[in-house]
Amino acid sequence: MPDAPCASCPGKLFRCLFIASGGVQGVGFRDFVCRIGESIGLSGYAKNLADGTVEIVAEGEAAKIDELARRVSVRMLNGIHVEKMENREKTEIKKRSRASFSVEF
C-alpha cells in the first residue's frame, strides 16, 4: 500500500508522483488510472516509461489521492497487475496545473 500524502490535511492540495510497476503496460492501465482519477475529482496524468513502469501524477486533496493510489494498486483484471506503487514525491500546491486527468504519451 502506498504512503498517504497527508491524511490529516483536509482542504489542502497536493501533487503526488507515483511509479507503478508490474504488469502495467499494454493492458489498459493508464486508461484505468484516468477513469478513476476523473471519477473522484483529481487532475493529472498517467504515462508509460521506457523501463516498463507507469508514472502517475495526481493533483488534488490528500484523501482523494490516497483513494486513487489504493484503487489502482489492487487491480488484477484483464492483465493489469500492480506489483508495487511507489510514492516518489509529494508537494503541497496552491492550485492545480491541469484541469483533468489524461493519458500522456
Protein backbone atom coordinates (compact mmCIF):
# COMPACT_ATOMS: atom_id res chain seq x y z
CA MET A 1 0.00 0.00 0.00
CA PRO A 2 1.45 3.42 -0.92
CA ASP A 3 2.29 6.04 1.68
CA ALA A 4 -0.52 8.54 2.34
CA PRO A 5 0.35 12.10 1.24
CA CYS A 6 -1.16 13.70 4.33
CA ALA A 7 -4.27 12.12 5.76
CA SER A 8 -4.72 14.91 8.30
CA CYS A 9 -4.68 17.81 5.80
CA PRO A 10 -8.28 18.26 4.61
CA GLY A 11 -8.78 21.00 2.03
CA LYS A 12 -5.09 21.36 1.13
CA LEU A 13 -3.99 20.49 -2.39
CA PHE A 14 -1.12 18.16 -3.18
CA ARG A 15 0.75 16.95 -6.23
CA CYS A 16 1.97 13.37 -5.90
CA LEU A 17 4.20 11.39 -8.22
CA PHE A 18 3.79 7.62 -8.17
CA ILE A 19 5.62 4.93 -10.10
CA ALA A 20 3.60 1.76 -10.72
CA SER A 21 5.43 -1.42 -11.64
CA GLY A 22 4.37 -4.93 -12.59
CA GLY A 23 2.00 -5.80 -15.42
CA VAL A 24 1.11 -2.18 -16.12
CA GLN A 25 1.96 -1.57 -19.80
CA GLY A 26 -0.03 -2.77 -22.77
CA VAL A 27 -3.01 -3.78 -20.60
CA GLY A 28 -5.11 -0.59 -20.35
CA PHE A 29 -3.67 0.51 -17.01
CA ARG A 30 -3.25 4.19 -17.96
CA ASP A 31 -6.88 4.42 -19.11
CA PHE A 32 -7.96 2.68 -15.89
CA VAL A 33 -5.99 5.22 -13.80
CA CYS A 34 -7.52 8.13 -15.75
CA ARG A 35 -11.07 6.86 -15.32
CA ILE A 36 -10.62 6.57 -11.56
CA GLY A 37 -8.82 9.92 -11.28
CA GLU A 38 -11.58 11.70 -13.19
CA SER A 39 -14.35 9.94 -11.27
CA ILE A 40 -13.03 11.11 -7.89
CA GLY A 41 -12.21 14.66 -8.97
CA LEU A 42 -8.44 14.59 -9.41
CA SER A 43 -6.33 16.04 -12.18
CA GLY A 44 -3.06 14.69 -13.52
CA TYR A 45 -1.77 12.08 -15.94
CA ALA A 46 -0.55 8.52 -16.42
CA LYS A 47 2.43 7.92 -18.71
CA ASN A 48 4.37 4.82 -19.81
CA LEU A 49 8.09 4.96 -19.05
CA ALA A 50 10.84 3.24 -21.04
CA ASP A 51 11.67 0.84 -18.16
CA GLY A 52 8.19 -0.77 -18.24
CA THR A 53 6.73 1.21 -15.35
CA VAL A 54 3.97 3.84 -15.41
CA GLU A 55 4.39 7.34 -14.00
CA ILE A 56 1.26 8.73 -12.35
CA VAL A 57 0.97 12.36 -11.32
CA ALA A 58 -2.13 13.21 -9.32
CA GLU A 59 -3.25 16.63 -8.08
CA GLY A 60 -5.99 17.27 -5.57
CA GLU A 61 -6.94 16.71 -1.95
CA ALA A 62 -4.87 14.19 0.01
CA ALA A 63 -7.78 11.86 0.75
CA LYS A 64 -8.66 11.63 -2.94
CA ILE A 65 -5.05 10.96 -3.92
CA ASP A 66 -4.94 8.22 -1.25
CA GLU A 67 -8.10 6.73 -2.76
CA LEU A 68 -6.64 6.75 -6.27
CA ALA A 69 -3.45 5.04 -5.09
CA ARG A 70 -5.44 2.43 -3.17
CA ARG A 71 -7.86 1.69 -6.01
CA VAL A 72 -5.26 1.33 -8.75
CA SER A 73 -2.97 -0.76 -6.54
CA VAL A 74 -5.45 -3.63 -6.23
CA ARG A 75 -6.43 -4.06 -9.89
CA MET A 76 -5.71 -7.60 -11.05
CA LEU A 77 -8.06 -7.97 -14.00
CA ASN A 78 -7.59 -8.09 -17.77
CA GLY A 79 -3.82 -8.46 -17.40
CA ILE A 80 -3.34 -5.48 -15.07
CA HIS A 81 -1.25 -6.48 -12.08
CA VAL A 82 0.35 -3.74 -9.98
CA GLU A 83 3.23 -5.28 -8.04
CA LYS A 84 4.40 -2.02 -6.50
CA MET A 85 3.02 1.51 -6.26
CA GLU A 86 5.80 3.77 -5.07
CA ASN A 87 5.13 7.33 -3.88
CA ARG A 88 8.22 9.15 -5.16
CA GLU A 89 7.28 12.75 -4.47
CA LYS A 90 4.63 14.75 -2.67
CA THR A 91 4.33 18.51 -2.70
CA GLU A 92 1.74 20.87 -1.33
CA ILE A 93 0.48 23.13 -4.12
CA LYS A 94 -1.56 26.33 -4.24
CA LYS A 95 -3.55 25.35 -7.35
CA ARG A 96 -3.73 22.55 -9.86
CA SER A 97 -1.65 22.71 -13.01
CA ARG A 98 -4.21 20.69 -15.04
CA ALA A 99 -7.98 20.75 -15.39
CA SER A 100 -8.44 17.00 -15.87
CA PHE A 101 -6.79 13.58 -15.83
CA SER A 102 -5.24 12.31 -19.06
CA VAL A 103 -3.08 9.66 -20.68
CA GLU A 104 0.31 11.06 -21.69
CA PHE A 105 2.46 9.63 -24.46
